[in-house]
């Protein structure tokens, strides 16, 4: 199993933040990776990033990505938030699997961020060598996590609900836990 961690809105003073764990079974990961690349190729984009993508492209990406085989765990926290404290609090409850092959974190993070996740992994008996910080364009799984994070935060912030709600309802079928 591969786990991709992304968050959205942790820098904001209002609305909500989301911490997302996207779980992908190891036997299906290569299929997901190829599918994400194909979606991006069909949309004529280098790679998907929620904050940098116009709505029309987000819709097309979500239409296809929500068909893919993955599960998501979502934690929604009201802002303002202390990212270090909340990350540790929610990951303890969300990262409970034992058959983890690798854990990937989106973006260049401060050392405290990686240290907190390593501590959680160690406490759960998971090798910390399985943790890697990656760029958004390196793995399709992290782009799926980015989509889930942006979609969930937008839904809970009630921003453009008419546009967001139908996609969030599709995402709900892939959510195994929500921590609020």
N, C-alpha and C. Protein backbone atom coordinates (compact mmCIF):
# COMPACT_ATOMS: atom_id res chain seq x y z
N UNK A 1 0.84 -1.18 0.00
CA UNK A 1 0.00 0.00 0.00
C UNK A 1 0.89 1.24 0.00
N UNK A 2 0.52 2.19 -0.82
CA UNK A 2 1.20 3.48 -0.89
C UNK A 2 0.29 4.52 -0.25
N UNK A 3 0.87 5.43 0.51
CA UNK A 3 0.10 6.51 1.11
C UNK A 3 0.69 7.83 0.63
N UNK A 4 -0.19 8.71 0.17
CA UNK A 4 0.20 10.04 -0.28
C UNK A 4 -0.47 11.05 0.64
N UNK A 5 0.32 11.95 1.22
CA UNK A 5 -0.21 12.93 2.17
C UNK A 5 -0.15 14.32 1.56
N UNK A 6 -1.26 15.01 1.62
CA UNK A 6 -1.33 16.39 1.15
C UNK A 6 -2.24 17.16 2.09
N UNK A 7 -2.12 18.46 2.09
CA UNK A 7 -3.00 19.30 2.89
C UNK A 7 -3.37 20.52 2.08
N UNK A 8 -4.41 21.18 2.52
CA UNK A 8 -4.88 22.36 1.83
C UNK A 8 -5.41 23.35 2.85
N UNK A 9 -5.04 24.59 2.71
CA UNK A 9 -5.60 25.65 3.55
C UNK A 9 -4.97 25.83 4.90
N UNK A 10 -3.83 25.18 5.19
CA UNK A 10 -3.25 25.30 6.53
C UNK A 10 -2.64 26.69 6.78
N UNK A 11 -2.46 27.45 5.73
CA UNK A 11 -1.89 28.79 5.86
C UNK A 11 -2.95 29.86 6.11
N UNK A 12 -4.22 29.49 5.98
CA UNK A 12 -5.31 30.46 6.05
C UNK A 12 -5.70 30.79 7.49
N UNK A 13 -6.30 31.93 7.67
CA UNK A 13 -6.79 32.35 8.99
C UNK A 13 -8.29 32.10 9.15
N UNK A 14 -8.97 31.78 8.05
CA UNK A 14 -10.42 31.56 8.09
C UNK A 14 -10.76 30.24 7.40
N UNK A 15 -12.01 29.87 7.47
CA UNK A 15 -12.54 28.67 6.82
C UNK A 15 -11.92 27.41 7.42
N UNK A 16 -11.55 26.48 6.55
CA UNK A 16 -11.07 25.17 7.02
C UNK A 16 -9.75 24.79 6.38
N UNK A 17 -9.06 23.89 7.06
CA UNK A 17 -7.88 23.23 6.51
C UNK A 17 -8.25 21.77 6.30
N UNK A 18 -7.59 21.14 5.37
CA UNK A 18 -7.80 19.71 5.21
C UNK A 18 -6.45 19.00 5.18
N UNK A 19 -6.38 17.89 5.88
CA UNK A 19 -5.24 16.99 5.80
C UNK A 19 -5.76 15.73 5.14
N UNK A 20 -5.09 15.30 4.11
CA UNK A 20 -5.58 14.18 3.30
C UNK A 20 -4.55 13.07 3.25
N UNK A 21 -5.01 11.87 3.43
CA UNK A 21 -4.20 10.69 3.18
C UNK A 21 -4.90 9.93 2.07
N UNK A 22 -4.23 9.72 0.97
CA UNK A 22 -4.78 8.93 -0.12
C UNK A 22 -4.07 7.59 -0.11
N UNK A 23 -4.84 6.53 -0.03
CA UNK A 23 -4.32 5.18 0.04
C UNK A 23 -4.50 4.49 -1.31
N UNK A 24 -3.43 3.88 -1.79
CA UNK A 24 -3.50 3.16 -3.05
C UNK A 24 -2.84 1.80 -2.84
N UNK A 25 -3.56 0.75 -3.14
CA UNK A 25 -3.00 -0.58 -3.00
C UNK A 25 -1.79 -0.72 -3.91
N UNK A 26 -0.76 -1.36 -3.42
CA UNK A 26 0.50 -1.49 -4.17
C UNK A 26 0.29 -2.19 -5.51
N UNK A 27 -0.56 -3.20 -5.53
CA UNK A 27 -0.75 -3.93 -6.79
C UNK A 27 -1.42 -3.09 -7.86
N UNK A 28 -2.08 -2.01 -7.45
CA UNK A 28 -2.78 -1.15 -8.40
C UNK A 28 -2.07 0.17 -8.67
N UNK A 29 -0.95 0.40 -7.99
CA UNK A 29 -0.34 1.72 -8.09
C UNK A 29 0.11 2.07 -9.51
N UNK A 30 0.73 1.16 -10.20
CA UNK A 30 1.21 1.46 -11.56
C UNK A 30 0.05 1.81 -12.49
N UNK A 31 -1.08 1.15 -12.30
CA UNK A 31 -2.26 1.47 -13.11
C UNK A 31 -2.72 2.90 -12.83
N UNK A 32 -2.75 3.26 -11.56
CA UNK A 32 -3.17 4.62 -11.21
C UNK A 32 -2.20 5.65 -11.78
N UNK A 33 -0.93 5.39 -11.64
CA UNK A 33 0.09 6.31 -12.15
C UNK A 33 -0.08 6.54 -13.65
N UNK A 34 -0.25 5.48 -14.40
CA UNK A 34 -0.45 5.59 -15.85
C UNK A 34 -1.74 6.32 -16.18
N UNK A 35 -2.79 6.05 -15.42
CA UNK A 35 -4.08 6.70 -15.65
C UNK A 35 -4.01 8.20 -15.41
N UNK A 36 -3.35 8.61 -14.35
CA UNK A 36 -3.21 10.05 -14.05
C UNK A 36 -2.43 10.73 -15.17
N UNK A 37 -1.35 10.11 -15.60
CA UNK A 37 -0.56 10.69 -16.69
C UNK A 37 -1.38 10.80 -17.97
N UNK A 38 -2.19 9.80 -18.24
CA UNK A 38 -3.03 9.83 -19.44
C UNK A 38 -4.08 10.94 -19.35
N UNK A 39 -4.69 11.11 -18.19
CA UNK A 39 -5.67 12.19 -17.98
C UNK A 39 -5.00 13.53 -18.25
N UNK A 40 -3.82 13.73 -17.67
CA UNK A 40 -3.10 14.99 -17.85
C UNK A 40 -2.72 15.20 -19.31
N UNK A 41 -2.30 14.15 -19.96
CA UNK A 41 -1.95 14.24 -21.38
C UNK A 41 -3.18 14.62 -22.20
N UNK A 42 -4.32 14.00 -21.93
CA UNK A 42 -5.55 14.33 -22.66
C UNK A 42 -6.00 15.76 -22.41
N UNK A 43 -5.70 16.28 -21.22
CA UNK A 43 -6.05 17.67 -20.89
C UNK A 43 -4.98 18.66 -21.34
N UNK A 44 -3.91 18.12 -21.87
CA UNK A 44 -2.81 18.95 -22.37
C UNK A 44 -2.21 19.83 -21.26
N UNK A 45 -2.00 19.21 -20.08
CA UNK A 45 -1.34 19.90 -18.97
C UNK A 45 -0.12 19.09 -18.54
N UNK A 46 0.88 19.78 -18.01
CA UNK A 46 2.08 19.08 -17.55
C UNK A 46 1.76 18.19 -16.36
N UNK A 47 1.07 18.76 -15.37
CA UNK A 47 0.60 18.00 -14.23
C UNK A 47 -0.49 18.80 -13.53
N UNK A 48 -1.36 18.09 -12.83
CA UNK A 48 -2.49 18.71 -12.17
C UNK A 48 -2.07 19.27 -10.82
N UNK A 49 -2.49 20.49 -10.53
CA UNK A 49 -2.33 21.09 -9.21
C UNK A 49 -3.56 21.95 -8.94
N UNK A 50 -4.30 21.62 -7.89
CA UNK A 50 -5.58 22.26 -7.61
C UNK A 50 -5.51 23.78 -7.63
N UNK A 51 -4.55 24.33 -6.93
CA UNK A 51 -4.48 25.79 -6.77
C UNK A 51 -4.08 26.50 -8.06
N UNK A 52 -3.48 25.80 -8.98
CA UNK A 52 -2.97 26.42 -10.20
C UNK A 52 -3.78 26.08 -11.44
N UNK A 53 -4.91 25.43 -11.26
CA UNK A 53 -5.69 24.93 -12.39
C UNK A 53 -7.03 25.66 -12.48
N UNK A 54 -7.42 26.02 -13.70
CA UNK A 54 -8.71 26.68 -13.89
C UNK A 54 -9.84 25.67 -13.70
N UNK A 55 -11.03 26.19 -13.41
CA UNK A 55 -12.15 25.33 -13.06
C UNK A 55 -12.49 24.32 -14.15
N UNK A 56 -12.50 24.73 -15.38
CA UNK A 56 -12.88 23.84 -16.48
C UNK A 56 -11.95 22.61 -16.53
N UNK A 57 -10.67 22.82 -16.31
CA UNK A 57 -9.71 21.71 -16.30
C UNK A 57 -9.88 20.87 -15.03
N UNK A 58 -10.14 21.52 -13.89
CA UNK A 58 -10.39 20.78 -12.65
C UNK A 58 -11.56 19.81 -12.84
N UNK A 59 -12.63 20.31 -13.47
CA UNK A 59 -13.81 19.46 -13.69
C UNK A 59 -13.46 18.22 -14.51
N UNK A 60 -12.74 18.44 -15.58
CA UNK A 60 -12.38 17.32 -16.46
C UNK A 60 -11.45 16.35 -15.74
N UNK A 61 -10.50 16.90 -14.98
CA UNK A 61 -9.59 16.04 -14.22
C UNK A 61 -10.36 15.23 -13.19
N UNK A 62 -11.25 15.89 -12.43
CA UNK A 62 -12.03 15.19 -11.41
C UNK A 62 -12.94 14.13 -12.03
N UNK A 63 -13.55 14.45 -13.16
CA UNK A 63 -14.41 13.47 -13.83
C UNK A 63 -13.68 12.14 -14.03
N UNK A 64 -12.45 12.22 -14.47
CA UNK A 64 -11.68 11.01 -14.75
C UNK A 64 -11.01 10.45 -13.50
N UNK A 65 -10.41 11.30 -12.68
CA UNK A 65 -9.66 10.83 -11.51
C UNK A 65 -10.57 10.15 -10.49
N UNK A 66 -11.80 10.60 -10.38
CA UNK A 66 -12.71 9.99 -9.41
C UNK A 66 -13.17 8.60 -9.84
N UNK A 67 -12.83 8.18 -11.03
CA UNK A 67 -13.10 6.82 -11.50
C UNK A 67 -11.98 5.86 -11.09
N UNK A 68 -10.83 6.41 -10.67
CA UNK A 68 -9.66 5.59 -10.37
C UNK A 68 -9.82 4.85 -9.04
N UNK A 69 -8.99 3.83 -8.87
CA UNK A 69 -9.05 2.96 -7.70
C UNK A 69 -8.15 3.49 -6.59
N UNK A 70 -8.75 4.20 -5.63
CA UNK A 70 -8.03 4.69 -4.46
C UNK A 70 -9.03 4.91 -3.33
N UNK A 71 -8.52 5.01 -2.12
CA UNK A 71 -9.31 5.35 -0.95
C UNK A 71 -8.70 6.58 -0.32
N UNK A 72 -9.50 7.37 0.37
CA UNK A 72 -9.00 8.59 0.99
C UNK A 72 -9.46 8.67 2.44
N UNK A 73 -8.59 9.19 3.26
CA UNK A 73 -8.93 9.55 4.63
C UNK A 73 -8.76 11.05 4.72
N UNK A 74 -9.74 11.70 5.31
CA UNK A 74 -9.78 13.16 5.31
C UNK A 74 -9.95 13.67 6.74
N UNK A 75 -9.15 14.67 7.09
CA UNK A 75 -9.33 15.38 8.36
C UNK A 75 -9.61 16.84 8.02
N UNK A 76 -10.72 17.35 8.53
CA UNK A 76 -11.10 18.74 8.30
C UNK A 76 -10.97 19.47 9.63
N UNK A 77 -10.21 20.55 9.65
CA UNK A 77 -9.95 21.31 10.86
C UNK A 77 -10.30 22.77 10.60
N UNK A 78 -10.97 23.40 11.56
CA UNK A 78 -11.30 24.83 11.41
C UNK A 78 -10.06 25.68 11.63
N UNK A 79 -9.89 26.67 10.78
CA UNK A 79 -8.77 27.60 10.91
C UNK A 79 -9.08 28.68 11.95
N UNK A 80 -8.10 29.35 12.54
CA UNK A 80 -6.67 29.15 12.30
C UNK A 80 -6.21 27.84 12.94
N UNK A 81 -5.17 27.26 12.38
CA UNK A 81 -4.72 25.94 12.79
C UNK A 81 -3.21 25.98 13.03
N UNK A 82 -2.77 25.18 13.99
CA UNK A 82 -1.35 24.96 14.21
C UNK A 82 -1.02 23.68 13.44
N UNK A 83 -0.41 23.81 12.26
CA UNK A 83 -0.21 22.63 11.40
C UNK A 83 0.53 21.48 12.07
N UNK A 84 1.55 21.78 12.87
CA UNK A 84 2.32 20.72 13.51
C UNK A 84 1.47 19.93 14.49
N UNK A 85 0.75 20.63 15.31
CA UNK A 85 -0.09 20.00 16.33
C UNK A 85 -1.21 19.19 15.68
N UNK A 86 -1.88 19.78 14.71
CA UNK A 86 -3.01 19.10 14.06
C UNK A 86 -2.56 17.90 13.23
N UNK A 87 -1.43 18.05 12.55
CA UNK A 87 -0.91 16.94 11.75
C UNK A 87 -0.70 15.72 12.64
N UNK A 88 -0.03 15.93 13.76
CA UNK A 88 0.23 14.81 14.66
C UNK A 88 -1.08 14.24 15.22
N UNK A 89 -1.98 15.12 15.62
CA UNK A 89 -3.26 14.67 16.20
C UNK A 89 -4.05 13.81 15.22
N UNK A 90 -4.17 14.26 13.98
CA UNK A 90 -5.01 13.52 13.04
C UNK A 90 -4.32 12.28 12.47
N UNK A 91 -3.03 12.35 12.24
CA UNK A 91 -2.35 11.19 11.65
C UNK A 91 -2.33 9.99 12.60
N UNK A 92 -2.28 10.25 13.88
CA UNK A 92 -2.32 9.15 14.85
C UNK A 92 -3.59 8.32 14.65
N UNK A 93 -4.68 8.99 14.34
CA UNK A 93 -5.96 8.30 14.16
C UNK A 93 -6.18 7.80 12.73
N UNK A 94 -5.50 8.42 11.78
CA UNK A 94 -5.75 8.09 10.38
C UNK A 94 -4.80 7.03 9.83
N UNK A 95 -3.56 7.03 10.27
CA UNK A 95 -2.56 6.12 9.71
C UNK A 95 -2.48 4.88 10.60
N UNK A 96 -3.36 3.93 10.34
CA UNK A 96 -3.46 2.76 11.22
C UNK A 96 -3.07 1.45 10.51
N UNK A 97 -2.84 1.49 9.22
CA UNK A 97 -2.53 0.28 8.46
C UNK A 97 -1.11 -0.20 8.77
N UNK A 98 -0.89 -1.47 8.56
CA UNK A 98 0.42 -2.06 8.80
C UNK A 98 1.16 -2.40 7.50
N UNK A 99 0.45 -2.62 6.43
CA UNK A 99 1.08 -3.07 5.18
C UNK A 99 1.47 -1.89 4.29
N UNK A 100 2.13 -0.90 4.87
CA UNK A 100 2.50 0.31 4.14
C UNK A 100 3.84 0.10 3.45
N UNK A 101 3.84 0.30 2.14
CA UNK A 101 5.07 0.16 1.37
C UNK A 101 5.87 1.47 1.40
N UNK A 102 5.21 2.58 1.14
CA UNK A 102 5.85 3.90 1.18
C UNK A 102 4.85 4.97 1.55
N UNK A 103 5.36 6.04 2.16
CA UNK A 103 4.56 7.21 2.49
C UNK A 103 5.22 8.40 1.79
N UNK A 104 4.44 9.09 0.98
CA UNK A 104 4.94 10.25 0.23
C UNK A 104 4.22 11.50 0.71
N UNK A 105 5.00 12.55 0.97
CA UNK A 105 4.45 13.83 1.41
C UNK A 105 4.64 14.84 0.29
N UNK A 106 3.59 15.59 0.01
CA UNK A 106 3.64 16.58 -1.05
C UNK A 106 4.49 17.78 -0.66
N UNK A 107 5.40 18.13 -1.55
CA UNK A 107 6.13 19.40 -1.46
C UNK A 107 7.27 19.42 -0.48
N UNK A 108 8.04 20.47 -0.60
CA UNK A 108 9.15 20.69 0.32
C UNK A 108 8.56 21.18 1.64
N UNK A 109 8.76 20.41 2.66
CA UNK A 109 8.19 20.73 3.96
C UNK A 109 9.33 21.06 4.93
N UNK A 110 8.98 21.82 5.97
CA UNK A 110 9.98 22.07 7.01
C UNK A 110 10.38 20.76 7.69
N UNK A 111 11.54 20.77 8.32
CA UNK A 111 12.03 19.55 8.97
C UNK A 111 11.07 19.05 10.05
N UNK A 112 10.41 19.97 10.76
CA UNK A 112 9.50 19.55 11.83
C UNK A 112 8.37 18.68 11.28
N UNK A 113 7.93 18.97 10.05
CA UNK A 113 6.82 18.25 9.44
C UNK A 113 7.21 16.79 9.24
N UNK A 114 8.35 16.58 8.60
CA UNK A 114 8.83 15.22 8.36
C UNK A 114 9.13 14.51 9.68
N UNK A 115 9.69 15.23 10.65
CA UNK A 115 10.00 14.63 11.96
C UNK A 115 8.74 14.15 12.65
N UNK A 116 7.67 14.95 12.58
CA UNK A 116 6.41 14.55 13.21
C UNK A 116 5.86 13.27 12.58
N UNK A 117 5.90 13.22 11.26
CA UNK A 117 5.39 12.03 10.58
C UNK A 117 6.28 10.82 10.88
N UNK A 118 7.60 11.03 10.91
CA UNK A 118 8.51 9.93 11.25
C UNK A 118 8.23 9.39 12.66
N UNK A 119 7.96 10.30 13.59
CA UNK A 119 7.65 9.88 14.96
C UNK A 119 6.38 9.03 14.98
N UNK A 120 5.37 9.45 14.27
CA UNK A 120 4.12 8.70 14.21
C UNK A 120 4.37 7.31 13.61
N UNK A 121 5.15 7.26 12.53
CA UNK A 121 5.46 5.97 11.90
C UNK A 121 6.23 5.07 12.86
N UNK A 122 7.25 5.64 13.53
CA UNK A 122 8.03 4.84 14.49
C UNK A 122 7.14 4.30 15.60
N UNK A 123 6.28 5.16 16.13
CA UNK A 123 5.38 4.75 17.21
C UNK A 123 4.45 3.63 16.78
N UNK A 124 4.16 3.55 15.51
CA UNK A 124 3.28 2.51 14.98
C UNK A 124 4.06 1.30 14.46
N UNK A 125 5.40 1.33 14.63
CA UNK A 125 6.23 0.21 14.21
C UNK A 125 6.48 0.14 12.72
N UNK A 126 6.37 1.28 12.04
CA UNK A 126 6.59 1.34 10.59
C UNK A 126 7.95 1.96 10.34
N UNK A 127 8.74 1.37 9.48
CA UNK A 127 10.08 1.87 9.17
C UNK A 127 10.01 3.30 8.63
N UNK A 128 10.82 4.18 9.19
CA UNK A 128 10.80 5.58 8.75
C UNK A 128 11.51 5.77 7.41
N UNK A 129 12.21 4.74 6.96
CA UNK A 129 12.83 4.83 5.63
C UNK A 129 11.78 4.84 4.53
N UNK A 130 10.56 4.53 4.88
CA UNK A 130 9.47 4.49 3.91
C UNK A 130 8.90 5.88 3.63
N UNK A 131 9.38 6.91 4.31
CA UNK A 131 8.86 8.27 4.18
C UNK A 131 9.71 9.06 3.19
N UNK A 132 9.04 9.70 2.23
CA UNK A 132 9.73 10.55 1.25
C UNK A 132 8.93 11.81 1.00
N UNK A 133 9.63 12.94 0.92
CA UNK A 133 9.02 14.19 0.52
C UNK A 133 9.24 14.32 -0.98
N UNK A 134 8.17 14.59 -1.72
CA UNK A 134 8.27 14.62 -3.18
C UNK A 134 7.63 15.88 -3.74
N UNK A 135 7.98 16.18 -4.97
CA UNK A 135 7.36 17.30 -5.68
C UNK A 135 6.06 16.82 -6.31
N UNK A 136 5.15 17.75 -6.49
CA UNK A 136 3.82 17.44 -7.02
C UNK A 136 3.88 16.75 -8.38
N UNK A 137 4.89 17.04 -9.17
CA UNK A 137 4.93 16.47 -10.51
C UNK A 137 5.62 15.10 -10.57
N UNK A 138 6.07 14.57 -9.43
CA UNK A 138 6.80 13.31 -9.43
C UNK A 138 5.91 12.07 -9.49
N UNK A 139 4.77 12.10 -8.81
CA UNK A 139 3.92 10.91 -8.71
C UNK A 139 2.46 11.28 -8.94
N UNK A 140 1.78 10.44 -9.68
CA UNK A 140 0.35 10.65 -9.92
C UNK A 140 -0.47 10.57 -8.64
N UNK A 141 -0.05 9.73 -7.71
CA UNK A 141 -0.77 9.58 -6.45
C UNK A 141 -0.82 10.87 -5.66
N UNK A 142 0.24 11.64 -5.71
CA UNK A 142 0.26 12.90 -4.95
C UNK A 142 -0.65 13.93 -5.62
N UNK A 143 -0.80 13.82 -6.94
CA UNK A 143 -1.72 14.73 -7.63
C UNK A 143 -3.17 14.36 -7.34
N UNK A 144 -3.43 13.08 -7.15
CA UNK A 144 -4.77 12.66 -6.72
C UNK A 144 -5.02 13.17 -5.31
N UNK A 145 -4.04 13.06 -4.43
CA UNK A 145 -4.17 13.58 -3.06
C UNK A 145 -4.41 15.09 -3.07
N UNK A 146 -3.73 15.80 -3.95
CA UNK A 146 -3.91 17.25 -4.09
C UNK A 146 -5.34 17.57 -4.52
N UNK A 147 -5.86 16.79 -5.46
CA UNK A 147 -7.23 17.00 -5.92
C UNK A 147 -8.22 16.76 -4.77
N UNK A 148 -8.01 15.67 -4.03
CA UNK A 148 -8.90 15.35 -2.92
C UNK A 148 -8.83 16.45 -1.85
N UNK A 149 -7.64 16.93 -1.55
CA UNK A 149 -7.47 17.99 -0.54
C UNK A 149 -8.18 19.26 -0.96
N UNK A 150 -7.97 19.68 -2.19
CA UNK A 150 -8.62 20.89 -2.69
C UNK A 150 -10.13 20.75 -2.75
N UNK A 151 -10.60 19.62 -3.21
CA UNK A 151 -12.04 19.37 -3.32
C UNK A 151 -12.70 19.33 -1.94
N UNK A 152 -12.09 18.62 -1.01
CA UNK A 152 -12.66 18.52 0.34
C UNK A 152 -12.68 19.88 1.04
N UNK A 153 -11.58 20.61 0.95
CA UNK A 153 -11.55 21.93 1.60
C UNK A 153 -12.58 22.86 0.98
N UNK A 154 -12.68 22.86 -0.33
CA UNK A 154 -13.67 23.71 -1.00
C UNK A 154 -15.09 23.34 -0.57
N UNK A 155 -15.36 22.05 -0.44
CA UNK A 155 -16.68 21.60 -0.02
C UNK A 155 -16.99 22.08 1.40
N UNK A 156 -16.05 21.90 2.31
CA UNK A 156 -16.29 22.30 3.70
C UNK A 156 -16.28 23.81 3.88
N UNK A 157 -15.58 24.53 3.01
CA UNK A 157 -15.61 25.99 3.04
C UNK A 157 -16.88 26.54 2.40
N UNK A 158 -17.64 25.64 1.77
CA UNK A 158 -18.88 26.00 1.06
C UNK A 158 -18.61 27.03 -0.04
N UNK A 159 -17.49 26.86 -0.73
CA UNK A 159 -17.13 27.72 -1.85
C UNK A 159 -17.60 27.05 -3.14
N UNK A 160 -18.38 27.76 -3.91
CA UNK A 160 -18.89 27.23 -5.19
C UNK A 160 -19.56 25.88 -5.01
N UNK A 161 -20.41 25.77 -4.00
CA UNK A 161 -21.02 24.48 -3.68
C UNK A 161 -21.78 23.87 -4.85
N UNK A 162 -22.39 24.70 -5.66
CA UNK A 162 -23.14 24.15 -6.80
C UNK A 162 -22.21 23.39 -7.74
N UNK A 163 -21.00 23.89 -7.91
CA UNK A 163 -20.04 23.21 -8.78
C UNK A 163 -19.36 22.04 -8.06
N UNK A 164 -19.06 22.22 -6.80
CA UNK A 164 -18.25 21.27 -6.03
C UNK A 164 -19.04 20.04 -5.57
N UNK A 165 -20.29 20.25 -5.19
CA UNK A 165 -21.05 19.21 -4.51
C UNK A 165 -21.14 17.89 -5.29
N UNK A 166 -21.35 17.95 -6.58
CA UNK A 166 -21.49 16.69 -7.33
C UNK A 166 -20.19 15.89 -7.33
N UNK A 167 -19.06 16.58 -7.35
CA UNK A 167 -17.78 15.89 -7.30
C UNK A 167 -17.50 15.36 -5.91
N UNK A 168 -17.84 16.15 -4.89
CA UNK A 168 -17.64 15.69 -3.52
C UNK A 168 -18.51 14.46 -3.23
N UNK A 169 -19.72 14.44 -3.75
CA UNK A 169 -20.59 13.27 -3.56
C UNK A 169 -19.98 12.02 -4.18
N UNK A 170 -19.31 12.17 -5.30
CA UNK A 170 -18.61 11.04 -5.91
C UNK A 170 -17.40 10.63 -5.05
N UNK A 171 -16.71 11.64 -4.52
CA UNK A 171 -15.55 11.37 -3.67
C UNK A 171 -15.95 10.63 -2.40
N UNK A 172 -17.13 10.94 -1.86
CA UNK A 172 -17.59 10.31 -0.61
C UNK A 172 -17.54 8.79 -0.68
N UNK A 173 -17.74 8.23 -1.86
CA UNK A 173 -17.73 6.79 -2.03
C UNK A 173 -16.32 6.22 -1.82
N UNK A 174 -15.31 7.08 -1.89
CA UNK A 174 -13.92 6.64 -1.73
C UNK A 174 -13.34 7.00 -0.37
N UNK A 175 -14.12 7.69 0.44
CA UNK A 175 -13.65 8.13 1.75
C UNK A 175 -13.92 7.04 2.77
N UNK A 176 -12.86 6.64 3.48
CA UNK A 176 -13.03 5.59 4.50
C UNK A 176 -13.11 6.20 5.90
N UNK A 177 -12.68 7.42 6.08
CA UNK A 177 -12.77 8.06 7.39
C UNK A 177 -12.72 9.57 7.20
N UNK A 178 -13.50 10.26 8.02
CA UNK A 178 -13.42 11.72 8.08
C UNK A 178 -13.26 12.09 9.54
N UNK A 179 -12.22 12.85 9.83
CA UNK A 179 -11.99 13.37 11.17
C UNK A 179 -12.30 14.85 11.13
N UNK A 180 -13.20 15.31 11.99
CA UNK A 180 -13.54 16.74 12.01
C UNK A 180 -13.24 17.32 13.36
